[in-house]
């Protein structure tokens, strides 16, 4: 039986909830890979974490400080997900869940932001996008509900971790 630590991926997710999204593995040993810290305002503007089984990513969590404002993100990036028939969820400023994944974005206002590149407006740097992927999970309502719950937890975690107002 596969077991994960009580908390995985920056301690943002309950291991038992993530296990419920994973397929049966040939070898019941999961490997957790990715960035050690969730900090989108440090050296990099993105962070990611994967739970791998049998050498393949089966659960992925990522965060990105977007160079796009929220309306542009929803119009250009999220429109590509329409074929998956996403369902809106209450997570961040806008959240969706779809078979095998979830996404959300929110405005993160925080004091003492690092200097911005000259081609980026302050409004764009404040947008954080989060994503979850569990492509091997069954296509059931229970899995969609679990992904929605995990995304809501992830948004709360990210806001707290990034010190957003």
C-alpha atoms as a PDB file:
ATOM      1  CA  UNK A   1       0.000   0.000   0.000  1.00  0.00           C
ATOM      2  CA  UNK A   2       1.319   3.410  -0.982  1.00  0.00           C
ATOM      3  CA  UNK A   3       1.893   5.902   1.817  1.00  0.00           C
ATOM      4  CA  UNK A   4       3.046   9.487   1.680  1.00  0.00           C
ATOM      5  CA  UNK A   5       4.274  11.713   4.497  1.00  0.00           C
ATOM      6  CA  UNK A   6       1.462  13.460   6.408  1.00  0.00           C
ATOM      7  CA  UNK A   7       2.173  16.685   4.460  1.00  0.00           C
ATOM      8  CA  UNK A   8       3.659  16.928   0.948  1.00  0.00           C
ATOM      9  CA  UNK A   9       4.744  19.643  -1.472  1.00  0.00           C
ATOM     10  CA  UNK A  10       5.909  22.448   0.829  1.00  0.00           C
ATOM     11  CA  UNK A  11       3.611  20.969   3.494  1.00  0.00           C
ATOM     12  CA  UNK A  12       0.680  22.434   1.549  1.00  0.00           C
ATOM     13  CA  UNK A  13      -1.268  19.189   1.014  1.00  0.00           C
ATOM     14  CA  UNK A  14      -2.328  16.263   3.167  1.00  0.00           C
ATOM     15  CA  UNK A  15      -0.508  13.159   2.000  1.00  0.00           C
ATOM     16  CA  UNK A  16      -3.654  11.031   2.389  1.00  0.00           C
ATOM     17  CA  UNK A  17      -5.624  13.351   0.068  1.00  0.00           C
ATOM     18  CA  UNK A  18      -2.919  13.172  -2.584  1.00  0.00           C
ATOM     19  CA  UNK A  19      -2.732   9.361  -2.303  1.00  0.00           C
ATOM     20  CA  UNK A  20      -6.457   9.234  -3.143  1.00  0.00           C
ATOM     21  CA  UNK A  21      -5.600  10.779  -6.556  1.00  0.00           C
ATOM     22  CA  UNK A  22      -2.797   8.371  -7.419  1.00  0.00           C
ATOM     23  CA  UNK A  23      -3.062   5.189  -9.476  1.00  0.00           C
ATOM     24  CA  UNK A  24      -1.777   1.841  -8.270  1.00  0.00           C
ATOM     25  CA  UNK A  25       1.947   1.647  -8.631  1.00  0.00           C
ATOM     26  CA  UNK A  26       4.084  -1.276  -9.717  1.00  0.00           C
ATOM     27  CA  UNK A  27       6.475  -0.335  -6.938  1.00  0.00           C
ATOM     28  CA  UNK A  28       4.684   1.262  -3.951  1.00  0.00           C
ATOM     29  CA  UNK A  29       7.382   3.868  -3.389  1.00  0.00           C
ATOM     30  CA  UNK A  30       6.583   7.460  -4.236  1.00  0.00           C
ATOM     31  CA  UNK A  31       9.265  10.025  -4.864  1.00  0.00           C
ATOM     32  CA  UNK A  32       8.589  13.698  -4.183  1.00  0.00           C
ATOM     33  CA  UNK A  33      10.571  16.056  -6.386  1.00  0.00           C
ATOM     34  CA  UNK A  34      10.635  19.765  -6.980  1.00  0.00           C
ATOM     35  CA  UNK A  35      11.453  23.071  -5.408  1.00  0.00           C
ATOM     36  CA  UNK A  36      12.233  22.965  -1.710  1.00  0.00           C
ATOM     37  CA  UNK A  37      10.534  26.291  -1.025  1.00  0.00           C
ATOM     38  CA  UNK A  38       7.336  27.880  -2.248  1.00  0.00           C
ATOM     39  CA  UNK A  39       8.533  31.418  -2.914  1.00  0.00           C
ATOM     40  CA  UNK A  40       7.394  33.148  -6.083  1.00  0.00           C
ATOM     41  CA  UNK A  41       8.972  36.454  -5.081  1.00  0.00           C
ATOM     42  CA  UNK A  42      12.508  35.237  -4.524  1.00  0.00           C
ATOM     43  CA  UNK A  43      15.086  34.128  -7.029  1.00  0.00           C
ATOM     44  CA  UNK A  44      12.492  32.557  -9.334  1.00  0.00           C
ATOM     45  CA  UNK A  45       8.922  33.506 -10.171  1.00  0.00           C
ATOM     46  CA  UNK A  46       7.669  29.911 -10.199  1.00  0.00           C
ATOM     47  CA  UNK A  47       7.713  26.811  -8.018  1.00  0.00           C
ATOM     48  CA  UNK A  48       6.706  23.226  -8.644  1.00  0.00           C
ATOM     49  CA  UNK A  49       6.382  19.891  -6.892  1.00  0.00           C
ATOM     50  CA  UNK A  50       5.706  16.404  -8.229  1.00  0.00           C
ATOM     51  CA  UNK A  51       4.747  13.122  -6.660  1.00  0.00           C
ATOM     52  CA  UNK A  52       6.220  10.458  -8.902  1.00  0.00           C
ATOM     53  CA  UNK A  53       5.259   6.805  -9.114  1.00  0.00           C
ATOM     54  CA  UNK A  54       7.113   4.317 -11.261  1.00  0.00           C
ATOM     55  CA  UNK A  55       9.246   7.207 -12.534  1.00  0.00           C
ATOM     56  CA  UNK A  56       6.315   9.300 -13.789  1.00  0.00           C
ATOM     57  CA  UNK A  57       4.709  12.441 -12.364  1.00  0.00           C
ATOM     58  CA  UNK A  58       1.243  11.467 -11.114  1.00  0.00           C
ATOM     59  CA  UNK A  59       0.462  14.584  -9.051  1.00  0.00           C
ATOM     60  CA  UNK A  60       1.855  18.010  -9.802  1.00  0.00           C
ATOM     61  CA  UNK A  61       1.392  21.288  -7.969  1.00  0.00           C
ATOM     62  CA  UNK A  62       2.813  24.497  -9.385  1.00  0.00           C
ATOM     63  CA  UNK A  63       2.642  28.196  -8.772  1.00  0.00           C
ATOM     64  CA  UNK A  64       3.647  31.062 -11.004  1.00  0.00           C
ATOM     65  CA  UNK A  65       3.825  34.798 -10.549  1.00  0.00           C
ATOM     66  CA  UNK A  66       2.185  35.731 -13.812  1.00  0.00           C
ATOM     67  CA  UNK A  67       3.371  38.447 -16.172  1.00  0.00           C
ATOM     68  CA  UNK A  68      -0.234  38.839 -17.245  1.00  0.00           C
ATOM     69  CA  UNK A  69      -3.103  40.482 -15.456  1.00  0.00           C
ATOM     70  CA  UNK A  70      -6.003  38.265 -14.394  1.00  0.00           C
ATOM     71  CA  UNK A  71      -8.384  39.189 -17.229  1.00  0.00           C
ATOM     72  CA  UNK A  72      -5.713  38.484 -19.836  1.00  0.00           C
ATOM     73  CA  UNK A  73      -4.896  35.180 -18.141  1.00  0.00           C
ATOM     74  CA  UNK A  74      -8.545  34.104 -18.143  1.00  0.00           C
ATOM     75  CA  UNK A  75      -9.053  35.160 -21.757  1.00  0.00           C
ATOM     76  CA  UNK A  76      -5.897  33.748 -23.357  1.00  0.00           C
ATOM     77  CA  UNK A  77      -4.697  30.860 -21.189  1.00  0.00           C
ATOM     78  CA  UNK A  78      -7.836  29.492 -19.584  1.00  0.00           C
ATOM     79  CA  UNK A  79      -9.815  29.534 -22.855  1.00  0.00           C
ATOM     80  CA  UNK A  80      -7.570  26.686 -24.005  1.00  0.00           C
ATOM     81  CA  UNK A  81      -9.086  24.577 -21.200  1.00  0.00           C
ATOM     82  CA  UNK A  82     -12.692  24.967 -22.415  1.00  0.00           C
ATOM     83  CA  UNK A  83     -12.601  21.604 -24.187  1.00  0.00           C
ATOM     84  CA  UNK A  84     -12.177  20.010 -20.737  1.00  0.00           C
ATOM     85  CA  UNK A  85     -15.495  21.565 -19.634  1.00  0.00           C
ATOM     86  CA  UNK A  86     -14.181  23.245 -16.465  1.00  0.00           C
ATOM     87  CA  UNK A  87     -16.447  23.957 -13.526  1.00  0.00           C
ATOM     88  CA  UNK A  88     -16.016  27.220 -11.573  1.00  0.00           C
ATOM     89  CA  UNK A  89     -14.943  26.820  -7.936  1.00  0.00           C
ATOM     90  CA  UNK A  90     -14.514  29.283  -5.098  1.00  0.00           C
ATOM     91  CA  UNK A  91     -10.745  29.544  -4.976  1.00  0.00           C
ATOM     92  CA  UNK A  92      -8.842  32.803  -5.287  1.00  0.00           C
ATOM     93  CA  UNK A  93     -10.209  35.507  -7.584  1.00  0.00           C
ATOM     94  CA  UNK A  94     -11.165  32.834 -10.094  1.00  0.00           C
ATOM     95  CA  UNK A  95     -10.860  29.070  -9.860  1.00  0.00           C
ATOM     96  CA  UNK A  96     -11.801  26.115 -12.018  1.00  0.00           C
ATOM     97  CA  UNK A  97     -11.706  22.348 -11.748  1.00  0.00           C
ATOM     98  CA  UNK A  98     -11.713  19.960 -14.686  1.00  0.00           C
ATOM     99  CA  UNK A  99     -11.007  16.263 -15.225  1.00  0.00           C
ATOM    100  CA  UNK A 100      -7.507  15.671 -13.924  1.00  0.00           C
ATOM    101  CA  UNK A 101      -6.759  19.166 -12.677  1.00  0.00           C
ATOM    102  CA  UNK A 102      -7.591  22.527 -11.162  1.00  0.00           C
ATOM    103  CA  UNK A 103      -6.380  26.091 -11.545  1.00  0.00           C
ATOM    104  CA  UNK A 104      -6.862  29.339  -9.690  1.00  0.00           C
ATOM    105  CA  UNK A 105      -5.448  32.815  -9.722  1.00  0.00           C
ATOM    106  CA  UNK A 106      -5.538  35.696  -7.296  1.00  0.00           C
ATOM    107  CA  UNK A 107      -4.086  39.150  -6.814  1.00  0.00           C
ATOM    108  CA  UNK A 108      -1.319  39.105  -4.225  1.00  0.00           C
ATOM    109  CA  UNK A 109      -0.647  42.529  -2.808  1.00  0.00           C
ATOM    110  CA  UNK A 110       2.306  42.568  -0.466  1.00  0.00           C
ATOM    111  CA  UNK A 111       4.605  45.222   0.865  1.00  0.00           C
ATOM    112  CA  UNK A 112       8.251  45.392  -0.142  1.00  0.00           C
ATOM    113  CA  UNK A 113       7.961  43.688  -3.521  1.00  0.00           C
ATOM    114  CA  UNK A 114      11.309  43.188  -5.233  1.00  0.00           C
ATOM    115  CA  UNK A 115      12.146  45.582  -8.078  1.00  0.00           C
ATOM    116  CA  UNK A 116      10.237  44.777 -11.249  1.00  0.00           C
ATOM    117  CA  UNK A 117      11.746  44.401 -14.705  1.00  0.00           C
ATOM    118  CA  UNK A 118      11.149  47.595 -16.697  1.00  0.00           C
ATOM    119  CA  UNK A 119       8.702  45.884 -19.067  1.00  0.00           C
ATOM    120  CA  UNK A 120       6.365  44.655 -16.300  1.00  0.00           C
ATOM    121  CA  UNK A 121       3.648  46.749 -14.704  1.00  0.00           C
ATOM    122  CA  UNK A 122       2.991  46.450 -10.955  1.00  0.00           C
ATOM    123  CA  UNK A 123      -0.528  45.119 -11.660  1.00  0.00           C
ATOM    124  CA  UNK A 124       0.884  42.218 -13.666  1.00  0.00           C
ATOM    125  CA  UNK A 125       3.413  41.201 -11.014  1.00  0.00           C
ATOM    126  CA  UNK A 126       0.677  40.911  -8.406  1.00  0.00           C
ATOM    127  CA  UNK A 127      -1.127  38.017 -10.138  1.00  0.00           C
ATOM    128  CA  UNK A 128      -0.373  34.506  -8.861  1.00  0.00           C
ATOM    129  CA  UNK A 129      -1.591  31.473 -10.785  1.00  0.00           C
ATOM    130  CA  UNK A 130      -1.751  28.036  -9.173  1.00  0.00           C
ATOM    131  CA  UNK A 131      -2.263  24.675 -10.817  1.00  0.00           C
ATOM    132  CA  UNK A 132      -2.851  21.085  -9.805  1.00  0.00           C
ATOM    133  CA  UNK A 133      -2.617  18.095 -12.090  1.00  0.00           C
ATOM    134  CA  UNK A 134      -3.598  14.500 -11.373  1.00  0.00           C
ATOM    135  CA  UNK A 135      -3.964  13.177 -14.910  1.00  0.00           C
ATOM    136  CA  UNK A 136      -3.959   9.525 -13.832  1.00  0.00           C
ATOM    137  CA  UNK A 137      -6.845  10.003 -11.400  1.00  0.00           C
ATOM    138  CA  UNK A 138     -10.226   8.526 -12.340  1.00  0.00           C
ATOM    139  CA  UNK A 139     -12.688  10.861 -14.043  1.00  0.00           C
ATOM    140  CA  UNK A 140     -15.241  10.878 -11.222  1.00  0.00           C
ATOM    141  CA  UNK A 141     -17.149  13.548  -9.334  1.00  0.00           C
ATOM    142  CA  UNK A 142     -15.365  12.477  -6.138  1.00  0.00           C
ATOM    143  CA  UNK A 143     -11.992  13.255  -7.745  1.00  0.00           C
ATOM    144  CA  UNK A 144     -13.230  16.637  -9.030  1.00  0.00           C
ATOM    145  CA  UNK A 145     -14.501  17.453  -5.533  1.00  0.00           C
ATOM    146  CA  UNK A 146     -11.150  16.456  -4.029  1.00  0.00           C
ATOM    147  CA  UNK A 147      -9.227  18.570  -6.563  1.00  0.00           C
ATOM    148  CA  UNK A 148     -11.520  21.528  -5.808  1.00  0.00           C
ATOM    149  CA  UNK A 149     -10.895  21.121  -2.070  1.00  0.00           C
ATOM    150  CA  UNK A 150      -7.134  20.809  -2.591  1.00  0.00           C
ATOM    151  CA  UNK A 151      -7.121  23.966  -4.728  1.00  0.00           C
ATOM    152  CA  UNK A 152      -8.997  25.899  -2.051  1.00  0.00           C
ATOM    153  CA  UNK A 153      -6.392  24.732   0.494  1.00  0.00           C
ATOM    154  CA  UNK A 154      -3.599  25.600  -1.939  1.00  0.00           C
ATOM    155  CA  UNK A 155      -4.849  29.170  -2.410  1.00  0.00           C
ATOM    156  CA  UNK A 156      -4.992  29.678   1.373  1.00  0.00           C
ATOM    157  CA  UNK A 157      -1.509  28.181   1.743  1.00  0.00           C
ATOM    158  CA  UNK A 158      -0.076  30.340  -1.073  1.00  0.00           C
ATOM    159  CA  UNK A 159      -1.562  33.561   0.292  1.00  0.00           C
ATOM    160  CA  UNK A 160      -0.170  32.801   3.737  1.00  0.00           C
ATOM    161  CA  UNK A 161       3.228  31.647   2.449  1.00  0.00           C
ATOM    162  CA  UNK A 162       3.641  34.622   0.091  1.00  0.00           C
ATOM    163  CA  UNK A 163       2.397  37.052   2.763  1.00  0.00           C
ATOM    164  CA  UNK A 164      -0.358  38.440   0.550  1.00  0.00           C
ATOM    165  CA  UNK A 165      -2.741  41.030   1.939  1.00  0.00           C
END
